[in-house]
């Protein structure tokens, strides 16, 4: 699926396990929205839930649930 198709979804549920994804998670969640980081487009979706295990979330500046 393309990013455009994904963003047309009513609701997104994303699961990211493993420390190998920590840098990508940080870039997608805390970085600038840019075509260089396609997952960063999820920041613009109103109904996106992101589930991370502790290793995948380990590089995020903000810890915990809002």
N, C-alpha and C. Protein backbone atom coordinates (compact mmCIF):
# COMPACT_ATOMS: atom_id res chain seq x y z
N UNK A 1 0.84 -1.19 0.00
CA UNK A 1 0.00 0.00 0.00
C UNK A 1 0.88 1.25 0.00
N UNK A 2 0.37 2.26 -0.61
CA UNK A 2 1.09 3.54 -0.61
C UNK A 2 0.73 4.32 0.66
N UNK A 3 1.52 5.31 0.98
CA UNK A 3 1.23 6.16 2.12
C UNK A 3 -0.13 6.83 1.92
N UNK A 4 -0.39 7.28 0.74
CA UNK A 4 -1.68 7.93 0.45
C UNK A 4 -2.85 6.98 0.74
N UNK A 5 -2.73 5.73 0.32
CA UNK A 5 -3.79 4.76 0.58
C UNK A 5 -3.93 4.50 2.08
N UNK A 6 -2.82 4.38 2.78
CA UNK A 6 -2.87 4.14 4.22
C UNK A 6 -3.56 5.29 4.93
N UNK A 7 -3.23 6.51 4.56
CA UNK A 7 -3.81 7.67 5.22
C UNK A 7 -5.30 7.84 4.94
N UNK A 8 -5.81 7.19 3.92
CA UNK A 8 -7.25 7.23 3.63
C UNK A 8 -8.05 6.33 4.58
N UNK A 9 -7.37 5.48 5.32
CA UNK A 9 -8.04 4.58 6.26
C UNK A 9 -8.70 5.39 7.37
N UNK A 10 -9.84 4.92 7.83
CA UNK A 10 -10.57 5.60 8.90
C UNK A 10 -9.78 5.51 10.21
N UNK A 11 -9.22 4.36 10.47
CA UNK A 11 -8.50 4.14 11.73
C UNK A 11 -7.26 3.30 11.44
N UNK A 12 -6.15 3.66 12.06
CA UNK A 12 -4.90 2.92 11.90
C UNK A 12 -4.47 2.36 13.25
N UNK A 13 -4.06 1.11 13.26
CA UNK A 13 -3.49 0.48 14.44
C UNK A 13 -2.15 -0.08 14.00
N UNK A 14 -1.08 0.47 14.57
CA UNK A 14 0.27 0.14 14.17
C UNK A 14 0.99 -0.52 15.35
N UNK A 15 1.62 -1.64 15.10
CA UNK A 15 2.38 -2.35 16.12
C UNK A 15 3.84 -2.42 15.67
N UNK A 16 4.74 -1.99 16.55
CA UNK A 16 6.16 -1.98 16.22
C UNK A 16 6.94 -2.66 17.35
N UNK A 17 7.44 -3.86 17.12
CA UNK A 17 8.27 -4.52 18.12
C UNK A 17 9.75 -4.42 17.78
N UNK A 18 10.60 -4.50 18.79
CA UNK A 18 12.03 -4.72 18.62
C UNK A 18 12.85 -3.44 18.59
N UNK A 19 14.00 -3.51 19.21
CA UNK A 19 14.92 -2.38 19.29
C UNK A 19 15.46 -1.99 17.92
N UNK A 20 15.48 -2.91 16.98
CA UNK A 20 15.97 -2.58 15.63
C UNK A 20 15.13 -1.51 14.97
N UNK A 21 13.93 -1.29 15.45
CA UNK A 21 13.03 -0.27 14.88
C UNK A 21 13.05 1.05 15.64
N UNK A 22 13.83 1.14 16.71
CA UNK A 22 13.80 2.32 17.58
C UNK A 22 14.13 3.62 16.85
N UNK A 23 15.15 3.61 16.00
CA UNK A 23 15.49 4.83 15.26
C UNK A 23 14.38 5.23 14.30
N UNK A 24 13.79 4.26 13.63
CA UNK A 24 12.69 4.56 12.70
C UNK A 24 11.47 5.09 13.45
N UNK A 25 11.19 4.53 14.62
CA UNK A 25 10.07 5.00 15.44
C UNK A 25 10.31 6.44 15.85
N UNK A 26 11.51 6.74 16.33
CA UNK A 26 11.83 8.12 16.74
C UNK A 26 11.67 9.08 15.56
N UNK A 27 12.17 8.71 14.41
CA UNK A 27 12.07 9.57 13.23
C UNK A 27 10.61 9.78 12.82
N UNK A 28 9.81 8.72 12.90
CA UNK A 28 8.41 8.81 12.50
C UNK A 28 7.57 9.61 13.48
N UNK A 29 7.85 9.46 14.76
CA UNK A 29 7.01 10.08 15.79
C UNK A 29 7.47 11.49 16.15
N UNK A 30 8.77 11.68 16.28
CA UNK A 30 9.28 12.96 16.76
C UNK A 30 9.93 13.81 15.67
N UNK A 31 10.17 13.23 14.53
CA UNK A 31 10.83 13.97 13.46
C UNK A 31 9.87 14.77 12.61
N UNK A 32 10.43 15.49 11.70
CA UNK A 32 9.68 16.28 10.74
C UNK A 32 8.92 15.35 9.79
N UNK A 33 7.72 15.75 9.38
CA UNK A 33 6.96 14.99 8.39
C UNK A 33 7.60 15.27 7.04
N UNK A 34 8.12 14.22 6.43
CA UNK A 34 8.86 14.37 5.18
C UNK A 34 8.77 13.10 4.34
N UNK A 35 8.80 13.22 3.03
CA UNK A 35 8.80 12.03 2.16
C UNK A 35 10.01 11.12 2.40
N UNK A 36 11.08 11.69 2.98
CA UNK A 36 12.25 10.88 3.29
C UNK A 36 11.97 9.86 4.39
N UNK A 37 10.95 10.13 5.19
CA UNK A 37 10.51 9.21 6.25
C UNK A 37 9.02 8.96 6.08
N UNK A 38 8.64 8.04 5.21
CA UNK A 38 7.21 7.84 4.91
C UNK A 38 6.35 7.62 6.15
N UNK A 39 6.85 6.93 7.15
CA UNK A 39 6.04 6.68 8.35
C UNK A 39 5.74 7.96 9.12
N UNK A 40 6.49 9.01 8.90
CA UNK A 40 6.21 10.28 9.58
C UNK A 40 4.84 10.84 9.18
N UNK A 41 4.30 10.41 8.06
CA UNK A 41 2.97 10.86 7.63
C UNK A 41 1.89 10.42 8.60
N UNK A 42 2.16 9.42 9.42
CA UNK A 42 1.18 8.98 10.42
C UNK A 42 0.87 10.09 11.42
N UNK A 43 1.78 11.04 11.58
CA UNK A 43 1.54 12.17 12.49
C UNK A 43 0.33 12.99 12.05
N UNK A 44 -0.02 12.91 10.80
CA UNK A 44 -1.12 13.71 10.26
C UNK A 44 -2.46 12.97 10.26
N UNK A 45 -2.49 11.76 10.76
CA UNK A 45 -3.73 10.97 10.79
C UNK A 45 -4.40 11.15 12.15
N UNK A 46 -5.70 11.45 12.12
CA UNK A 46 -6.44 11.73 13.36
C UNK A 46 -6.71 10.50 14.21
N UNK A 47 -6.74 9.33 13.61
CA UNK A 47 -7.10 8.10 14.33
C UNK A 47 -6.00 7.06 14.17
N UNK A 48 -4.83 7.35 14.68
CA UNK A 48 -3.70 6.43 14.58
C UNK A 48 -3.26 6.03 15.99
N UNK A 49 -3.29 4.76 16.26
CA UNK A 49 -2.81 4.23 17.53
C UNK A 49 -1.54 3.45 17.26
N UNK A 50 -0.51 3.78 18.01
CA UNK A 50 0.79 3.16 17.83
C UNK A 50 1.13 2.36 19.08
N UNK A 51 1.34 1.06 18.91
CA UNK A 51 1.73 0.18 20.01
C UNK A 51 3.20 -0.16 19.85
N UNK A 52 3.97 0.14 20.88
CA UNK A 52 5.41 -0.10 20.86
C UNK A 52 5.80 -0.95 22.07
N UNK A 53 6.75 -1.85 21.87
CA UNK A 53 7.30 -2.50 23.04
C UNK A 53 8.41 -1.58 23.59
N UNK A 54 8.85 -1.78 24.82
CA UNK A 54 9.86 -0.89 25.40
C UNK A 54 11.12 -0.73 24.55
N UNK A 55 11.68 -1.78 23.95
CA UNK A 55 12.86 -1.56 23.11
C UNK A 55 12.59 -0.66 21.89
N UNK A 56 11.44 -0.80 21.27
CA UNK A 56 11.11 0.02 20.11
C UNK A 56 10.90 1.48 20.51
N UNK A 57 10.44 1.70 21.73
CA UNK A 57 10.19 3.06 22.22
C UNK A 57 11.39 3.67 22.94
N UNK A 58 12.47 2.95 23.02
CA UNK A 58 13.59 3.33 23.87
C UNK A 58 14.26 4.66 23.50
N UNK A 59 14.16 5.11 22.28
CA UNK A 59 14.82 6.36 21.87
C UNK A 59 13.88 7.57 21.87
N UNK A 60 12.63 7.37 22.24
CA UNK A 60 11.68 8.49 22.26
C UNK A 60 11.98 9.42 23.42
N UNK A 61 11.91 10.71 23.18
CA UNK A 61 12.16 11.69 24.23
C UNK A 61 11.06 11.69 25.28
N UNK A 62 9.83 11.53 24.82
CA UNK A 62 8.68 11.55 25.72
C UNK A 62 8.30 10.12 26.06
N UNK A 63 8.30 9.79 27.31
CA UNK A 63 7.99 8.43 27.75
C UNK A 63 6.56 8.38 28.29
N UNK A 64 5.93 7.22 28.15
CA UNK A 64 4.62 7.02 28.73
C UNK A 64 3.48 7.31 27.79
N UNK A 65 2.28 7.23 28.34
CA UNK A 65 1.04 7.44 27.58
C UNK A 65 0.48 8.80 27.95
N UNK A 66 -0.03 9.55 26.95
CA UNK A 66 -0.57 10.90 27.25
C UNK A 66 -1.71 10.86 28.21
